[in-house]
Amino acid sequence: MDIVEECELQYGKIDKFKIFQENEDGIIKIKFENSNSADKCIDSLNGRYYNTRKIEAFFWDGIINYDKNKENLEIEKARIDEFGKWLENQEDE
C-alpha cells in the first residue's frame, strides 16, 4: 500500500489498483487517470529499490495473467502435459 499511496501523491490520480496476493513476485497493477501519470511513475520507480527488492515498473502487455504464480503455472503445465499423453494413448487404442 505504501507504493500505491506514494504513486498517487507524486504522479497523479489512480483509477484502480490491484495487489496480486497469490503471486510471490510482489506484483502490483496501477491504472492512472491519464497516461502522463503512468509515464512519470514508470520513469521514477523503474530500477528503484523498495525493502531490498528492485522494482520493475512497466506498461502491462494486457496478456500476462499475474493472478497465477510460478508454482501454479508449473502444476497447470504438468496437468496439460498429462492430458496430452492421455489423448495420445486414446488415439492408439
PDB file of N, CA and C in Angstrom:
ATOM      1  N   MET A   1       0.826  -1.201   0.000  1.00  0.00           N
ATOM      2  CA  MET A   1       0.000   0.000   0.000  1.00  0.00           C
ATOM      3  C   MET A   1       0.866   1.259   0.000  1.00  0.00           C
ATOM      4  N   ASP A   2       2.079   1.159   0.571  1.00  0.00           N
ATOM      5  CA  ASP A   2       2.964   2.327   0.598  1.00  0.00           C
ATOM      6  C   ASP A   2       3.245   2.837  -0.811  1.00  0.00           C
ATOM      7  N   ILE A   3       3.523   1.923  -1.709  1.00  0.00           N
ATOM      8  CA  ILE A   3       3.853   2.326  -3.078  1.00  0.00           C
ATOM      9  C   ILE A   3       2.638   2.936  -3.768  1.00  0.00           C
ATOM     10  N   VAL A   4       1.472   2.371  -3.558  1.00  0.00           N
ATOM     11  CA  VAL A   4       0.254   2.900  -4.168  1.00  0.00           C
ATOM     12  C   VAL A   4      -0.003   4.321  -3.673  1.00  0.00           C
ATOM     13  N   GLU A   5       0.124   4.534  -2.371  1.00  0.00           N
ATOM     14  CA  GLU A   5      -0.074   5.873  -1.804  1.00  0.00           C
ATOM     15  C   GLU A   5       0.951   6.851  -2.354  1.00  0.00           C
ATOM     16  N   GLU A   6       2.200   6.424  -2.426  1.00  0.00           N
ATOM     17  CA  GLU A   6       3.259   7.282  -2.969  1.00  0.00           C
ATOM     18  C   GLU A   6       2.972   7.649  -4.422  1.00  0.00           C
ATOM     19  N   CYS A   7       2.522   6.673  -5.192  1.00  0.00           N
ATOM     20  CA  CYS A   7       2.233   6.927  -6.601  1.00  0.00           C
ATOM     21  C   CYS A   7       1.145   7.978  -6.770  1.00  0.00           C
ATOM     22  N   GLU A   8       0.109   7.874  -5.978  1.00  0.00           N
ATOM     23  CA  GLU A   8      -0.981   8.839  -6.104  1.00  0.00           C
ATOM     24  C   GLU A   8      -0.528  10.234  -5.687  1.00  0.00           C
ATOM     25  N   LEU A   9       0.265  10.319  -4.647  1.00  0.00           N
ATOM     26  CA  LEU A   9       0.752  11.626  -4.190  1.00  0.00           C
ATOM     27  C   LEU A   9       1.716  12.265  -5.186  1.00  0.00           C
ATOM     28  N   GLN A  10       2.586  11.474  -5.784  1.00  0.00           N
ATOM     29  CA  GLN A  10       3.643  12.044  -6.611  1.00  0.00           C
ATOM     30  C   GLN A  10       3.342  12.082  -8.104  1.00  0.00           C
ATOM     31  N   TYR A  11       2.493  11.179  -8.617  1.00  0.00           N
ATOM     32  CA  TYR A  11       2.368  11.059 -10.062  1.00  0.00           C
ATOM     33  C   TYR A  11       0.980  11.359 -10.615  1.00  0.00           C
ATOM     34  N   GLY A  12      -0.051  11.243  -9.801  1.00  0.00           N
ATOM     35  CA  GLY A  12      -1.383  11.566 -10.294  1.00  0.00           C
ATOM     36  C   GLY A  12      -2.453  10.640  -9.754  1.00  0.00           C
ATOM     37  N   LYS A  13      -3.687  10.988 -10.074  1.00  0.00           N
ATOM     38  CA  LYS A  13      -4.846  10.253  -9.571  1.00  0.00           C
ATOM     39  C   LYS A  13      -4.861   8.821 -10.115  1.00  0.00           C
ATOM     40  N   ILE A  14      -5.131   7.891  -9.207  1.00  0.00           N
ATOM     41  CA  ILE A  14      -5.216   6.480  -9.558  1.00  0.00           C
ATOM     42  C   ILE A  14      -6.681   6.093  -9.724  1.00  0.00           C
ATOM     43  N   ASP A  15      -7.000   5.481 -10.856  1.00  0.00           N
ATOM     44  CA  ASP A  15      -8.355   4.974 -11.092  1.00  0.00           C
ATOM     45  C   ASP A  15      -8.575   3.650 -10.374  1.00  0.00           C
ATOM     46  N   LYS A  16      -7.610   2.728 -10.545  1.00  0.00           N
ATOM     47  CA  LYS A  16      -7.713   1.395  -9.945  1.00  0.00           C
ATOM     48  C   LYS A  16      -6.325   0.883  -9.616  1.00  0.00           C
ATOM     49  N   PHE A  17      -6.282  -0.013  -8.646  1.00  0.00           N
ATOM     50  CA  PHE A  17      -5.044  -0.740  -8.393  1.00  0.00           C
ATOM     51  C   PHE A  17      -5.393  -2.129  -7.895  1.00  0.00           C
ATOM     52  N   LYS A  18      -4.476  -3.040  -8.110  1.00  0.00           N
ATOM     53  CA  LYS A  18      -4.676  -4.413  -7.653  1.00  0.00           C
ATOM     54  C   LYS A  18      -3.346  -4.951  -7.152  1.00  0.00           C
ATOM     55  N   ILE A  19      -3.377  -5.566  -5.997  1.00  0.00           N
ATOM     56  CA  ILE A  19      -2.211  -6.247  -5.445  1.00  0.00           C
ATOM     57  C   ILE A  19      -2.460  -7.742  -5.638  1.00  0.00           C
ATOM     58  N   PHE A  20      -1.568  -8.397  -6.351  1.00  0.00           N
ATOM     59  CA  PHE A  20      -1.725  -9.821  -6.641  1.00  0.00           C
ATOM     60  C   PHE A  20      -1.164 -10.630  -5.474  1.00  0.00           C
ATOM     61  N   GLN A  21      -2.026 -10.931  -4.528  1.00  0.00           N
ATOM     62  CA  GLN A  21      -1.644 -11.589  -3.276  1.00  0.00           C
ATOM     63  C   GLN A  21      -1.029 -12.972  -3.489  1.00  0.00           C
ATOM     64  N   GLU A  22      -1.492 -13.687  -4.490  1.00  0.00           N
ATOM     65  CA  GLU A  22      -1.048 -15.067  -4.718  1.00  0.00           C
ATOM     66  C   GLU A  22       0.278 -15.141  -5.481  1.00  0.00           C
ATOM     67  N   ASN A  23       0.747 -14.023  -5.999  1.00  0.00           N
ATOM     68  CA  ASN A  23       1.963 -14.020  -6.800  1.00  0.00           C
ATOM     69  C   ASN A  23       3.160 -13.690  -5.920  1.00  0.00           C
ATOM     70  N   GLU A  24       4.130 -14.618  -5.852  1.00  0.00           N
ATOM     71  CA  GLU A  24       5.275 -14.431  -4.954  1.00  0.00           C
ATOM     72  C   GLU A  24       6.232 -13.342  -5.435  1.00  0.00           C
ATOM     73  N   ASP A  25       6.045 -12.824  -6.646  1.00  0.00           N
ATOM     74  CA  ASP A  25       6.917 -11.774  -7.158  1.00  0.00           C
ATOM     75  C   ASP A  25       6.523 -10.379  -6.669  1.00  0.00           C
ATOM     76  N   GLY A  26       5.422 -10.268  -5.938  1.00  0.00           N
ATOM     77  CA  GLY A  26       5.006  -8.969  -5.402  1.00  0.00           C
ATOM     78  C   GLY A  26       4.496  -8.031  -6.480  1.00  0.00           C
ATOM     79  N   ILE A  27       3.596  -8.508  -7.306  1.00  0.00           N
ATOM     80  CA  ILE A  27       3.088  -7.735  -8.438  1.00  0.00           C
ATOM     81  C   ILE A  27       1.963  -6.797  -7.985  1.00  0.00           C
ATOM     82  N   ILE A  28       2.057  -5.548  -8.441  1.00  0.00           N
ATOM     83  CA  ILE A  28       1.007  -4.550  -8.214  1.00  0.00           C
ATOM     84  C   ILE A  28       0.659  -3.950  -9.570  1.00  0.00           C
ATOM     85  N   LYS A  29      -0.629  -3.853  -9.861  1.00  0.00           N
ATOM     86  CA  LYS A  29      -1.078  -3.212 -11.095  1.00  0.00           C
ATOM     87  C   LYS A  29      -1.762  -1.904 -10.716  1.00  0.00           C
ATOM     88  N   ILE A  30      -1.297  -0.806 -11.332  1.00  0.00           N
ATOM     89  CA  ILE A  30      -1.855   0.513 -11.046  1.00  0.00           C
ATOM     90  C   ILE A  30      -2.351   1.119 -12.354  1.00  0.00           C
ATOM     91  N   LYS A  31      -3.592   1.577 -12.353  1.00  0.00           N
ATOM     92  CA  LYS A  31      -4.140   2.270 -13.519  1.00  0.00           C
ATOM     93  C   LYS A  31      -4.361   3.731 -13.128  1.00  0.00           C
ATOM     94  N   PHE A  32      -3.629   4.611 -13.802  1.00  0.00           N
ATOM     95  CA  PHE A  32      -3.747   6.036 -13.534  1.00  0.00           C
ATOM     96  C   PHE A  32      -4.862   6.647 -14.368  1.00  0.00           C
ATOM     97  N   GLU A  33      -5.280   7.830 -13.949  1.00  0.00           N
ATOM     98  CA  GLU A  33      -6.321   8.560 -14.669  1.00  0.00           C
ATOM     99  C   GLU A  33      -5.863   8.938 -16.083  1.00  0.00           C
ATOM    100  N   ASN A  34      -4.555   9.182 -16.236  1.00  0.00           N
ATOM    101  CA  ASN A  34      -4.045   9.517 -17.571  1.00  0.00           C
ATOM    102  C   ASN A  34      -2.667   8.902 -17.799  1.00  0.00           C
ATOM    103  N   SER A  35      -2.293   8.791 -19.060  1.00  0.00           N
ATOM    104  CA  SER A  35      -1.044   8.114 -19.407  1.00  0.00           C
ATOM    105  C   SER A  35       0.197   8.907 -18.996  1.00  0.00           C
ATOM    106  N   ASN A  36       0.100  10.218 -18.895  1.00  0.00           N
ATOM    107  CA  ASN A  36       1.251  11.013 -18.445  1.00  0.00           C
ATOM    108  C   ASN A  36       1.662  10.634 -17.029  1.00  0.00           C
ATOM    109  N   SER A  37       0.686  10.393 -16.175  1.00  0.00           N
ATOM    110  CA  SER A  37       0.975   9.964 -14.800  1.00  0.00           C
ATOM    111  C   SER A  37       1.663   8.609 -14.803  1.00  0.00           C
ATOM    112  N   ALA A  38       1.192   7.718 -15.658  1.00  0.00           N
ATOM    113  CA  ALA A  38       1.800   6.393 -15.750  1.00  0.00           C
ATOM    114  C   ALA A  38       3.243   6.504 -16.237  1.00  0.00           C
ATOM    115  N   ASP A  39       3.482   7.334 -17.234  1.00  0.00           N
ATOM    116  CA  ASP A  39       4.847   7.535 -17.738  1.00  0.00           C
ATOM    117  C   ASP A  39       5.776   8.034 -16.628  1.00  0.00           C
ATOM    118  N   LYS A  40       5.315   9.034 -15.879  1.00  0.00           N
ATOM    119  CA  LYS A  40       6.126   9.586 -14.779  1.00  0.00           C
ATOM    120  C   LYS A  40       6.423   8.517 -13.729  1.00  0.00           C
ATOM    121  N   CYS A  41       5.418   7.733 -13.407  1.00  0.00           N
ATOM    122  CA  CYS A  41       5.579   6.682 -12.403  1.00  0.00           C
ATOM    123  C   CYS A  41       6.612   5.655 -12.858  1.00  0.00           C
ATOM    124  N   ILE A  42       6.495   5.198 -14.081  1.00  0.00           N
ATOM    125  CA  ILE A  42       7.425   4.201 -14.608  1.00  0.00           C
ATOM    126  C   ILE A  42       8.844   4.750 -14.632  1.00  0.00           C
ATOM    127  N   ASP A  43       9.000   5.978 -15.123  1.00  0.00           N
ATOM    128  CA  ASP A  43      10.332   6.590 -15.183  1.00  0.00           C
ATOM    129  C   ASP A  43      10.965   6.714 -13.805  1.00  0.00           C
ATOM    130  N   SER A  44      10.158   7.035 -12.822  1.00  0.00           N
ATOM    131  CA  SER A  44      10.681   7.257 -11.471  1.00  0.00           C
ATOM    132  C   SER A  44      10.933   5.965 -10.694  1.00  0.00           C
ATOM    133  N   LEU A  45      10.024   5.004 -10.816  1.00  0.00           N
ATOM    134  CA  LEU A  45      10.122   3.798  -9.993  1.00  0.00           C
ATOM    135  C   LEU A  45      10.985   2.689 -10.588  1.00  0.00           C
ATOM    136  N   ASN A  46      11.071   2.619 -11.905  1.00  0.00           N
ATOM    137  CA  ASN A  46      11.798   1.513 -12.521  1.00  0.00           C
ATOM    138  C   ASN A  46      13.274   1.532 -12.100  1.00  0.00           C
ATOM    139  N   GLY A  47      13.709   0.427 -11.517  1.00  0.00           N
ATOM    140  CA  GLY A  47      15.096   0.294 -11.075  1.00  0.00           C
ATOM    141  C   GLY A  47      15.338   0.733  -9.642  1.00  0.00           C
ATOM    142  N   ARG A  48      14.358   1.346  -9.030  1.00  0.00           N
ATOM    143  CA  ARG A  48      14.484   1.785  -7.641  1.00  0.00           C
ATOM    144  C   ARG A  48      14.330   0.591  -6.703  1.00  0.00           C
ATOM    145  N   TYR A  49      14.872   0.698  -5.513  1.00  0.00           N
ATOM    146  CA  TYR A  49      14.760  -0.379  -4.524  1.00  0.00           C
ATOM    147  C   TYR A  49      13.700  -0.032  -3.489  1.00  0.00           C
ATOM    148  N   TYR A  50      12.946  -1.054  -3.090  1.00  0.00           N
ATOM    149  CA  TYR A  50      11.943  -0.926  -2.037  1.00  0.00           C
ATOM    150  C   TYR A  50      12.056  -2.168  -1.161  1.00  0.00           C
ATOM    151  N   ASN A  51      12.360  -1.985   0.125  1.00  0.00           N
ATOM    152  CA  ASN A  51      12.547  -3.111   1.054  1.00  0.00           C
ATOM    153  C   ASN A  51      13.515  -4.147   0.487  1.00  0.00           C
ATOM    154  N   THR A  52      14.630  -3.714   0.019  1.00  0.00           N
ATOM    155  CA  THR A  52      15.721  -4.518  -0.542  1.00  0.00           C
ATOM    156  C   THR A  52      15.366  -5.213  -1.854  1.00  0.00           C
ATOM    157  N   ARG A  53      14.219  -4.935  -2.415  1.00  0.00           N
ATOM    158  CA  ARG A  53      13.822  -5.545  -3.690  1.00  0.00           C
ATOM    159  C   ARG A  53      13.823  -4.482  -4.774  1.00  0.00           C
ATOM    160  N   LYS A  54      14.365  -4.831  -5.926  1.00  0.00           N
ATOM    161  CA  LYS A  54      14.418  -3.909  -7.057  1.00  0.00           C
ATOM    162  C   LYS A  54      13.072  -3.882  -7.763  1.00  0.00           C
ATOM    163  N   ILE A  55      12.560  -2.691  -7.981  1.00  0.00           N
ATOM    164  CA  ILE A  55      11.266  -2.517  -8.640  1.00  0.00           C
ATOM    165  C   ILE A  55      11.447  -2.546 -10.146  1.00  0.00           C
ATOM    166  N   GLU A  56      10.586  -3.297 -10.812  1.00  0.00           N
ATOM    167  CA  GLU A  56      10.491  -3.269 -12.265  1.00  0.00           C
ATOM    168  C   GLU A  56       9.142  -2.642 -12.589  1.00  0.00           C
ATOM    169  N   ALA A  57       9.162  -1.447 -13.145  1.00  0.00           N
ATOM    170  CA  ALA A  57       7.930  -0.743 -13.496  1.00  0.00           C
ATOM    171  C   ALA A  57       7.819  -0.695 -15.015  1.00  0.00           C
ATOM    172  N   PHE A  58       6.647  -1.088 -15.525  1.00  0.00           N
ATOM    173  CA  PHE A  58       6.458  -1.132 -16.982  1.00  0.00           C
ATOM    174  C   PHE A  58       4.969  -1.135 -17.290  1.00  0.00           C
ATOM    175  N   PHE A  59       4.655  -0.849 -18.554  1.00  0.00           N
ATOM    176  CA  PHE A  59       3.270  -0.950 -19.001  1.00  0.00           C
ATOM    177  C   PHE A  59       2.911  -2.419 -19.146  1.00  0.00           C
ATOM    178  N   TRP A  60       1.735  -2.792 -18.654  1.00  0.00           N
ATOM    179  CA  TRP A  60       1.241  -4.164 -18.759  1.00  0.00           C
ATOM    180  C   TRP A  60       0.914  -4.458 -20.214  1.00  0.00           C
ATOM    181  N   ASP A  61       1.271  -5.637 -20.680  1.00  0.00           N
ATOM    182  CA  ASP A  61       1.029  -6.015 -22.076  1.00  0.00           C
ATOM    183  C   ASP A  61      -0.419  -6.446 -22.329  1.00  0.00           C
ATOM    184  N   GLY A  62      -1.209  -6.565 -21.282  1.00  0.00           N
ATOM    185  CA  GLY A  62      -2.606  -6.955 -21.429  1.00  0.00           C
ATOM    186  C   GLY A  62      -2.812  -8.449 -21.587  1.00  0.00           C
ATOM    187  N   ILE A  63      -1.716  -9.206 -21.565  1.00  0.00           N
ATOM    188  CA  ILE A  63      -1.813 -10.643 -21.810  1.00  0.00           C
ATOM    189  C   ILE A  63      -1.456 -11.461 -20.570  1.00  0.00           C
ATOM    190  N   ILE A  64      -0.354 -11.149 -19.956  1.00  0.00           N
ATOM    191  CA  ILE A  64       0.140 -11.953 -18.829  1.00  0.00           C
ATOM    192  C   ILE A  64      -0.857 -11.922 -17.676  1.00  0.00           C
ATOM    193  N   ASN A  65      -1.147 -13.111 -17.141  1.00  0.00           N
ATOM    194  CA  ASN A  65      -2.050 -13.236 -16.006  1.00  0.00           C
ATOM    195  C   ASN A  65      -1.220 -13.315 -14.728  1.00  0.00           C
ATOM    196  N   TYR A  66      -1.150 -12.218 -14.000  1.00  0.00           N
ATOM    197  CA  TYR A  66      -0.349 -12.174 -12.783  1.00  0.00           C
ATOM    198  C   TYR A  66      -1.064 -12.796 -11.585  1.00  0.00           C
ATOM    199  N   ASP A  67      -2.312 -13.237 -11.765  1.00  0.00           N
ATOM    200  CA  ASP A  67      -3.011 -13.928 -10.684  1.00  0.00           C
ATOM    201  C   ASP A  67      -2.347 -15.260 -10.374  1.00  0.00           C
ATOM    202  N   LYS A  68      -1.692 -15.827 -11.360  1.00  0.00           N
ATOM    203  CA  LYS A  68      -1.079 -17.138 -11.186  1.00  0.00           C
ATOM    204  C   LYS A  68       0.389 -16.971 -10.821  1.00  0.00           C
ATOM    205  N   ASN A  69       0.829 -17.736  -9.844  1.00  0.00           N
ATOM    206  CA  ASN A  69       2.247 -17.705  -9.504  1.00  0.00           C
ATOM    207  C   ASN A  69       2.974 -18.820 -10.245  1.00  0.00           C
ATOM    208  N   LYS A  70       4.285 -18.833 -10.156  1.00  0.00           N
ATOM    209  CA  LYS A  70       5.090 -19.807 -10.910  1.00  0.00           C
ATOM    210  C   LYS A  70       4.724 -21.244 -10.565  1.00  0.00           C
ATOM    211  N   GLU A  71       4.479 -21.520  -9.298  1.00  0.00           N
ATOM    212  CA  GLU A  71       4.137 -22.885  -8.889  1.00  0.00           C
ATOM    213  C   GLU A  71       2.830 -23.323  -9.533  1.00  0.00           C
ATOM    214  N   ASN A  72       1.845 -22.455  -9.524  1.00  0.00           N
ATOM    215  CA  ASN A  72       0.564 -22.795 -10.146  1.00  0.00           C
ATOM    216  C   ASN A  72       0.718 -23.025 -11.636  1.00  0.00           C
ATOM    217  N   LEU A  73       1.570 -22.216 -12.295  1.00  0.00           N
ATOM    218  CA  LEU A  73       1.792 -22.397 -13.727  1.00  0.00           C
ATOM    219  C   LEU A  73       2.469 -23.721 -14.013  1.00  0.00           C
ATOM    220  N   GLU A  74       3.413 -24.131 -13.169  1.00  0.00           N
ATOM    221  CA  GLU A  74       4.089 -25.415 -13.342  1.00  0.00           C
ATOM    222  C   GLU A  74       3.107 -26.575 -13.156  1.00  0.00           C
ATOM    223  N   ILE A  75       2.240 -26.478 -12.164  1.00  0.00           N
ATOM    224  CA  ILE A  75       1.229 -27.516 -11.923  1.00  0.00           C
ATOM    225  C   ILE A  75       0.274 -27.585 -13.106  1.00  0.00           C
ATOM    226  N   GLU A  76      -0.139 -26.417 -13.609  1.00  0.00           N
ATOM    227  CA  GLU A  76      -1.053 -26.391 -14.756  1.00  0.00           C
ATOM    228  C   GLU A  76      -0.392 -26.994 -15.992  1.00  0.00           C
ATOM    229  N   LYS A  77       0.878 -26.665 -16.234  1.00  0.00           N
ATOM    230  CA  LYS A  77       1.592 -27.216 -17.384  1.00  0.00           C
ATOM    231  C   LYS A  77       1.694 -28.738 -17.270  1.00  0.00           C
ATOM    232  N   ALA A  78       2.015 -29.238 -16.075  1.00  0.00           N
ATOM    233  CA  ALA A  78       2.118 -30.685 -15.871  1.00  0.00           C
ATOM    234  C   ALA A  78       0.770 -31.355 -16.129  1.00  0.00           C
ATOM    235  N   ARG A  79      -0.307 -30.738 -15.677  1.00  0.00           N
ATOM    236  CA  ARG A  79      -1.647 -31.274 -15.888  1.00  0.00           C
ATOM    237  C   ARG A  79      -1.982 -31.332 -17.374  1.00  0.00           C
ATOM    238  N   ILE A  80      -1.648 -30.280 -18.109  1.00  0.00           N
ATOM    239  CA  ILE A  80      -1.910 -30.236 -19.546  1.00  0.00           C
ATOM    240  C   ILE A  80      -1.075 -31.287 -20.274  1.00  0.00           C
ATOM    241  N   ASP A  81       0.189 -31.429 -19.856  1.00  0.00           N
ATOM    242  CA  ASP A  81       1.049 -32.452 -20.462  1.00  0.00           C
ATOM    243  C   ASP A  81       0.489 -33.855 -20.230  1.00  0.00           C
ATOM    244  N   GLU A  82       0.020 -34.111 -19.012  1.00  0.00           N
ATOM    245  CA  GLU A  82      -0.574 -35.414 -18.700  1.00  0.00           C
ATOM    246  C   GLU A  82      -1.811 -35.666 -19.553  1.00  0.00           C
ATOM    247  N   PHE A  83      -2.633 -34.641 -19.723  1.00  0.00           N
ATOM    248  CA  PHE A  83      -3.833 -34.782 -20.545  1.00  0.00           C
ATOM    249  C   PHE A  83      -3.454 -35.074 -21.992  1.00  0.00           C
ATOM    250  N   GLY A  84      -2.409 -34.388 -22.493  1.00  0.00           N
ATOM    251  CA  GLY A  84      -1.930 -34.641 -23.850  1.00  0.00           C
ATOM    252  C   GLY A  84      -1.475 -36.075 -24.029  1.00  0.00           C
ATOM    253  N   LYS A  85      -0.765 -36.609 -23.057  1.00  0.00           N
ATOM    254  CA  LYS A  85      -0.324 -38.013 -23.116  1.00  0.00           C
ATOM    255  C   LYS A  85      -1.526 -38.952 -23.113  1.00  0.00           C
ATOM    256  N   TRP A  86      -2.505 -38.638 -22.286  1.00  0.00           N
ATOM    257  CA  TRP A  86      -3.710 -39.457 -22.216  1.00  0.00           C
ATOM    258  C   TRP A  86      -4.423 -39.462 -23.576  1.00  0.00           C
ATOM    259  N   LEU A  87      -4.521 -38.270 -24.203  1.00  0.00           N
ATOM    260  CA  LEU A  87      -5.165 -38.182 -25.512  1.00  0.00           C
ATOM    261  C   LEU A  87      -4.420 -39.013 -26.549  1.00  0.00           C
ATOM    262  N   GLU A  88      -3.097 -38.948 -26.527  1.00  0.00           N
ATOM    263  CA  GLU A  88      -2.305 -39.733 -27.470  1.00  0.00           C
ATOM    264  C   GLU A  88      -2.556 -41.229 -27.280  1.00  0.00           C
ATOM    265  N   ASN A  89      -2.688 -41.664 -26.052  1.00  0.00           N
ATOM    266  CA  ASN A  89      -2.964 -43.084 -25.766  1.00  0.00           C
ATOM    267  C   ASN A  89      -4.349 -43.488 -26.245  1.00  0.00           C
ATOM    268  N   GLN A  90      -5.308 -42.557 -26.196  1.00  0.00           N
ATOM    269  CA  GLN A  90      -6.666 -42.843 -26.655  1.00  0.00           C
ATOM    270  C   GLN A  90      -6.702 -43.053 -28.167  1.00  0.00           C
ATOM    271  N   GLU A  91      -5.869 -42.308 -28.890  1.00  0.00           N
ATOM    272  CA  GLU A  91      -5.827 -42.437 -30.345  1.00  0.00           C
ATOM    273  C   GLU A  91      -5.229 -43.782 -30.753  1.00  0.00           C
ATOM    274  N   ASP A  92      -4.292 -44.307 -29.937  1.00  0.00           N
ATOM    275  CA  ASP A  92      -3.642 -45.589 -30.237  1.00  0.00           C
ATOM    276  C   ASP A  92      -4.592 -46.771 -30.038  1.00  0.00           C
ATOM    277  N   GLU A  93      -5.600 -46.608 -29.246  1.00  0.00           N
ATOM    278  CA  GLU A  93      -6.498 -47.741 -28.930  1.00  0.00           C
ATOM    279  C   GLU A  93      -7.522 -47.983 -29.988  1.00  0.00           C
TER     280      GLU A  93
END
